[in-house]
Amino acid sequence: MNKARLLAEIDPQMACFRAICAEEEAATSLLISMKDQGYPLSDQYHIWSHENKAGVIVFIRAIINWSKSIYLEDEAGLGEPLLRSTDDPGRPAIEIVLPVKGAEIVLRPRPPLDIRSQGGTSLKDVIGSYLRSEVNKGLAAEIKAAIKVRANERNRLLYATDEALPGCFSNVEYYLKNQGGIVNALLTAVGLVDPWRKPDYPFSGLVEAALEEYVEVMKSGRR
């Protein structure tokens, strides 16, 4: 992202391309981490697929929106989640601190994303509901198509088509700022997932549920 910002004035097209590559590299780090840890279904995706990489942030946004709803609607009596750095796993990591309303105590889940559902609605379905709201699509194949459009942004920057020459985004400064936020969210996810490994920590329930929904969507539409 630093190089993208440096290039913005002299070569905005390449600046945007570098920003896309930054997102892809950060998303790949998360996909590789889950595969390396042996998360269920992590053998069902290809880490070098542009579509798979473009889809990661879409799922993270859905999870963020869901987590915000928990404390905004006061469903669990918890305050706004806080992110903190920690070395509890024996290496630099990120933890989630959950203030308990009405008490001077906080919760520190270990691992941070080990959240699980109880009752009739699965956590996978909850994530799926917020995912469909995020992209305004109802079917898995429709969500996959919307993600495919995102993945093709890099091609519009690099290659001519029958309709147009290679182009650039109209507001490069805004685009780079937005991409910076995406990269930050992806790297934060890596810090919440990668250091918290077996045998010291179990698989995270939220990661398992999100991965199940991710694989279902990204494999949809295949023949």
Protein backbone atom coordinates (compact mmCIF):
# COMPACT_ATOMS: atom_id res chain seq x y z
CA MET A 1 0.00 0.00 0.00
CA ASN A 2 2.90 2.39 0.68
CA LYS A 3 4.18 1.96 -2.87
CA ALA A 4 0.66 2.41 -4.21
CA ARG A 5 0.39 5.78 -2.46
CA LEU A 6 3.78 6.86 -3.79
CA LEU A 7 2.69 6.05 -7.33
CA ALA A 8 -0.73 7.69 -7.12
CA GLU A 9 0.24 10.97 -8.78
CA ILE A 10 2.67 9.73 -11.42
CA ASP A 11 1.02 6.42 -12.35
CA PRO A 12 -2.50 6.12 -10.88
CA GLN A 13 -3.26 2.99 -12.89
CA MET A 14 -0.31 1.10 -11.42
CA ALA A 15 -1.07 2.55 -7.97
CA CYS A 16 -4.54 0.99 -8.08
CA PHE A 17 -3.11 -2.30 -9.32
CA ARG A 18 -0.63 -2.40 -6.45
CA ALA A 19 -3.49 -1.75 -4.03
CA ILE A 20 -5.39 -4.71 -5.47
CA CYS A 21 -2.27 -6.87 -5.15
CA ALA A 22 -1.92 -5.80 -1.50
CA GLU A 23 -5.44 -7.04 -0.81
CA GLU A 24 -4.76 -10.30 -2.62
CA GLU A 25 -1.56 -10.95 -0.67
CA ALA A 26 -3.27 -10.26 2.66
CA ALA A 27 -6.22 -12.50 1.74
CA THR A 28 -3.82 -15.24 0.63
CA SER A 29 -2.10 -15.09 4.03
CA LEU A 30 -5.40 -15.84 5.75
CA LEU A 31 -6.34 -18.62 3.34
CA ILE A 32 -2.91 -20.23 3.72
CA SER A 33 -3.11 -19.98 7.51
CA MET A 34 -6.42 -21.84 7.68
CA LYS A 35 -5.16 -24.48 5.27
CA ASP A 36 -1.88 -24.86 7.19
CA GLN A 37 -3.77 -25.33 10.46
CA GLY A 38 -6.00 -27.95 8.90
CA TYR A 39 -9.33 -26.21 9.43
CA PRO A 40 -12.27 -28.32 8.18
CA LEU A 41 -12.98 -27.65 4.47
CA SER A 42 -9.74 -25.68 4.02
CA ASP A 43 -8.76 -28.29 1.44
CA GLN A 44 -11.76 -27.25 -0.67
CA TYR A 45 -10.43 -23.92 -1.98
CA HIS A 46 -7.56 -22.90 -4.23
CA ILE A 47 -5.39 -20.24 -2.61
CA TRP A 48 -4.23 -18.71 -5.91
CA SER A 49 -7.69 -18.09 -7.37
CA HIS A 50 -8.32 -14.35 -7.86
CA GLU A 51 -12.00 -14.92 -7.13
CA ASN A 52 -11.28 -16.78 -3.91
CA LYS A 53 -8.98 -13.98 -2.76
CA ALA A 54 -11.47 -11.26 -3.71
CA GLY A 55 -14.20 -13.05 -1.77
CA VAL A 56 -12.42 -13.09 1.59
CA ILE A 57 -13.09 -9.44 2.50
CA VAL A 58 -16.76 -9.82 1.56
CA PHE A 59 -17.13 -12.47 4.24
CA ILE A 60 -15.11 -10.50 6.78
CA ARG A 61 -17.38 -7.49 6.27
CA ALA A 62 -20.42 -9.67 6.91
CA ILE A 63 -18.87 -10.97 10.13
CA ILE A 64 -17.99 -7.44 11.27
CA ASN A 65 -21.56 -6.27 10.64
CA TRP A 66 -22.93 -9.24 12.56
CA SER A 67 -20.59 -8.65 15.51
CA LYS A 68 -21.59 -4.97 15.64
CA SER A 69 -25.26 -5.93 15.79
CA ILE A 70 -24.66 -8.01 18.93
CA TYR A 71 -23.60 -5.07 21.07
CA LEU A 72 -25.73 -2.44 19.28
CA GLU A 73 -28.87 -4.51 19.92
CA ASP A 74 -27.59 -5.40 23.41
CA GLU A 75 -28.26 -9.08 22.79
CA ALA A 76 -25.51 -10.33 25.08
CA GLY A 77 -25.02 -7.50 27.55
CA LEU A 78 -21.61 -6.73 26.09
CA GLY A 79 -20.01 -3.46 25.11
CA GLU A 80 -18.19 -2.72 21.87
CA PRO A 81 -15.44 -5.30 21.21
CA LEU A 82 -11.90 -3.98 21.51
CA LEU A 83 -8.84 -5.28 19.68
CA ARG A 84 -5.59 -5.54 21.61
CA SER A 85 -2.13 -6.87 20.85
CA THR A 86 -0.92 -9.80 22.94
CA ASP A 87 1.82 -12.40 23.03
CA ASP A 88 -0.21 -15.03 24.91
CA PRO A 89 0.19 -17.63 22.13
CA GLY A 90 3.97 -17.21 22.38
CA ARG A 91 4.20 -14.83 19.43
CA PRO A 92 2.65 -11.49 18.44
CA ALA A 93 -1.10 -11.87 18.05
CA ILE A 94 -4.38 -9.98 18.32
CA GLU A 95 -7.02 -10.65 20.96
CA ILE A 96 -10.60 -9.48 21.40
CA VAL A 97 -11.61 -7.82 24.68
CA LEU A 98 -15.34 -7.81 25.45
CA PRO A 99 -16.46 -5.36 28.18
CA VAL A 100 -19.36 -6.65 30.27
CA LYS A 101 -22.00 -3.96 30.73
CA GLY A 102 -22.72 -3.06 34.33
CA ALA A 103 -19.57 -4.70 35.65
CA GLU A 104 -15.92 -3.79 35.78
CA ILE A 105 -14.83 -6.97 34.09
CA VAL A 106 -14.01 -7.99 30.54
CA LEU A 107 -14.05 -11.26 28.63
CA ARG A 108 -11.01 -12.41 26.66
CA PRO A 109 -12.02 -15.44 24.55
CA ARG A 110 -9.26 -17.96 23.85
CA PRO A 111 -8.89 -18.28 20.93
CA PRO A 112 -10.41 -14.87 20.19
CA LEU A 113 -12.86 -16.08 17.56
CA ASP A 114 -14.04 -19.21 19.34
CA ILE A 115 -17.70 -18.21 19.26
CA ARG A 116 -20.36 -20.88 18.86
CA SER A 117 -24.12 -20.83 18.48
CA GLN A 118 -26.77 -22.50 20.60
CA GLY A 119 -30.33 -23.22 19.61
CA GLY A 120 -31.93 -23.75 16.24
CA THR A 121 -29.98 -21.28 14.07
CA SER A 122 -26.43 -22.23 13.13
CA LEU A 123 -23.65 -19.68 13.14
CA LYS A 124 -23.05 -20.49 9.48
CA ASP A 125 -26.61 -19.45 8.64
CA VAL A 126 -26.26 -16.23 10.64
CA ILE A 127 -23.12 -15.32 8.71
CA GLY A 128 -24.86 -16.23 5.47
CA SER A 129 -27.75 -13.92 6.30
CA TYR A 130 -25.42 -10.96 6.86
CA LEU A 131 -23.45 -11.91 3.77
CA ARG A 132 -26.56 -11.74 1.60
CA SER A 133 -27.41 -8.37 3.08
CA GLU A 134 -23.86 -7.13 2.44
CA VAL A 135 -23.94 -7.87 -1.30
CA ASN A 136 -27.73 -7.51 -1.71
CA LYS A 137 -27.95 -10.97 -3.26
CA GLY A 138 -30.03 -13.95 -2.24
CA LEU A 139 -28.48 -17.05 -3.79
CA ALA A 140 -24.98 -18.44 -3.35
CA ALA A 141 -24.39 -18.31 -7.11
CA GLU A 142 -25.45 -14.64 -7.18
CA ILE A 143 -23.02 -13.82 -4.38
CA LYS A 144 -20.28 -15.67 -6.28
CA ALA A 145 -21.09 -13.61 -9.40
CA ALA A 146 -20.80 -10.35 -7.42
CA ILE A 147 -17.43 -11.48 -6.07
CA LYS A 148 -16.31 -12.35 -9.59
CA VAL A 149 -16.97 -8.73 -10.62
CA ARG A 150 -14.65 -7.58 -7.81
CA ALA A 151 -11.98 -10.03 -8.93
CA ASN A 152 -12.11 -8.64 -12.46
CA GLU A 153 -11.10 -5.15 -11.29
CA ARG A 154 -7.44 -6.06 -11.82
CA ASN A 155 -8.16 -7.09 -15.42
CA ARG A 156 -9.87 -3.79 -16.19
CA LEU A 157 -6.72 -2.01 -15.06
CA LEU A 158 -4.34 -4.17 -17.08
CA TYR A 159 -6.06 -5.31 -20.24
CA ALA A 160 -8.03 -3.85 -23.11
CA THR A 161 -11.40 -5.38 -24.00
CA ASP A 162 -13.74 -5.17 -26.96
CA GLU A 163 -15.50 -2.33 -25.17
CA ALA A 164 -12.65 -0.24 -23.75
CA LEU A 165 -8.94 0.33 -23.26
CA PRO A 166 -7.35 -0.36 -19.86
CA GLY A 167 -8.69 2.23 -17.42
CA CYS A 168 -8.40 3.50 -13.90
CA PHE A 169 -10.79 4.35 -11.10
CA SER A 170 -12.17 7.86 -11.23
CA ASN A 171 -11.21 8.74 -7.65
CA VAL A 172 -7.82 7.18 -7.05
CA GLU A 173 -7.32 8.75 -3.63
CA TYR A 174 -10.61 7.35 -2.35
CA TYR A 175 -9.88 3.95 -3.88
CA LEU A 176 -6.47 3.70 -2.22
CA LYS A 177 -7.92 4.75 1.13
CA ASN A 178 -10.63 2.11 0.83
CA GLN A 179 -8.10 -0.56 -0.15
CA GLY A 180 -5.95 0.41 2.81
CA GLY A 181 -8.90 -0.28 5.10
CA ILE A 182 -9.49 -3.64 3.42
CA VAL A 183 -5.87 -4.68 3.82
CA ASN A 184 -5.93 -3.63 7.47
CA ALA A 185 -9.06 -5.73 8.10
CA LEU A 186 -7.50 -8.76 6.42
CA LEU A 187 -4.25 -8.51 8.36
CA THR A 188 -6.22 -8.08 11.58
CA ALA A 189 -8.03 -11.32 10.75
CA VAL A 190 -4.67 -13.03 10.28
CA GLY A 191 -3.63 -11.84 13.75
CA LEU A 192 -6.87 -13.20 15.22
CA VAL A 193 -6.50 -16.61 13.55
CA ASP A 194 -2.94 -17.59 12.71
CA PRO A 195 -1.16 -17.42 16.11
CA TRP A 196 -3.93 -19.28 17.96
CA ARG A 197 -3.06 -22.81 16.92
CA LYS A 198 -3.45 -26.37 18.11
CA PRO A 199 -2.48 -28.08 20.34
CA ASP A 200 -2.63 -25.11 22.71
CA TYR A 201 -5.93 -23.79 21.37
CA PRO A 202 -8.91 -25.43 19.62
CA PHE A 203 -10.23 -24.41 16.24
CA SER A 204 -12.24 -21.18 16.43
CA GLY A 205 -15.97 -21.76 16.07
CA LEU A 206 -16.53 -18.53 14.15
CA VAL A 207 -13.77 -19.40 11.68
CA GLU A 208 -15.22 -22.89 11.15
CA ALA A 209 -18.69 -21.47 10.46
CA ALA A 210 -17.42 -18.72 8.15
CA LEU A 211 -15.25 -21.18 6.26
CA GLU A 212 -18.20 -23.51 5.73
CA GLU A 213 -20.25 -20.67 4.24
CA TYR A 214 -17.26 -19.42 2.21
CA VAL A 215 -16.64 -22.80 0.59
CA GLU A 216 -20.35 -23.24 -0.20
CA VAL A 217 -20.52 -19.87 -1.95
CA MET A 218 -17.21 -20.03 -3.77
CA LYS A 219 -17.95 -23.52 -5.12
CA SER A 220 -21.45 -22.55 -6.27
CA GLY A 221 -22.17 -22.35 -9.97
CA ARG A 222 -19.54 -24.96 -10.87
CA ARG A 223 -20.44 -27.64 -13.34
